[in-house]
Amino acid sequence: MLLFVISGLSGAGKSVALHAIEDQGGYCIDNLPIELLPAFSSEALPILQGKFQLIGLSIDVRNHSEKLHQLPELLHKEFHHTPDVECQLIFIEADIETIIRRFGESRRPHPLSRENPTLESSIHQEIEQLAPIASSADFASTALKPISINSGNRSSGSLSRNTTSCF
């Protein structure tokens, strides 16, 4: 079973990535609180393992958690020794202009807008908070360089950067 943990900048396309996993018959949870990762690993994952070959979790700054920077270590702790589970951390980003445009189109507030006077300062704070996750990601994608799921060949890794784009 492939477990994709998707993180990245707000407005960069994490929801599109989750939809791509669902479109291939996977199961997704958006905005899982990082504090629930151990419970997901011990309680939900064994149930989902028998039903799905692809699972996607989105964990990002919407958590408003002091533990967010620990995500790579928590993933290693929770899933490194889990039989039959290949866990991949995916980081999705986009340039600041693209994110600003997307927030303007959606008219939704940035998750860090209460802490910052401008959208651009919220984005910069998010980039800083997610830097440890970005540097530890197994795969990174930008809005201009889509990646795709390769669910048919588990031995090759779980993603490829050249087949039909899923996100």
Foldseek 3Di string as FASTA:
>chain_A
DEEEEEEEFPQFQPVLVQVLCVVVVEEEDEADQPVCVLVCLPPVCVVCVVPGPYYYYYHACLNVDPCSLVVVVVCCVRPVPPPPYDYFYEYEYEDPVSSVVSCVVVVDDGSCCVVDVDPSVSRVVRCVSCVSSVVPGPYYYGSVQAKDFDSPDVVVPTIDRDPDGSD
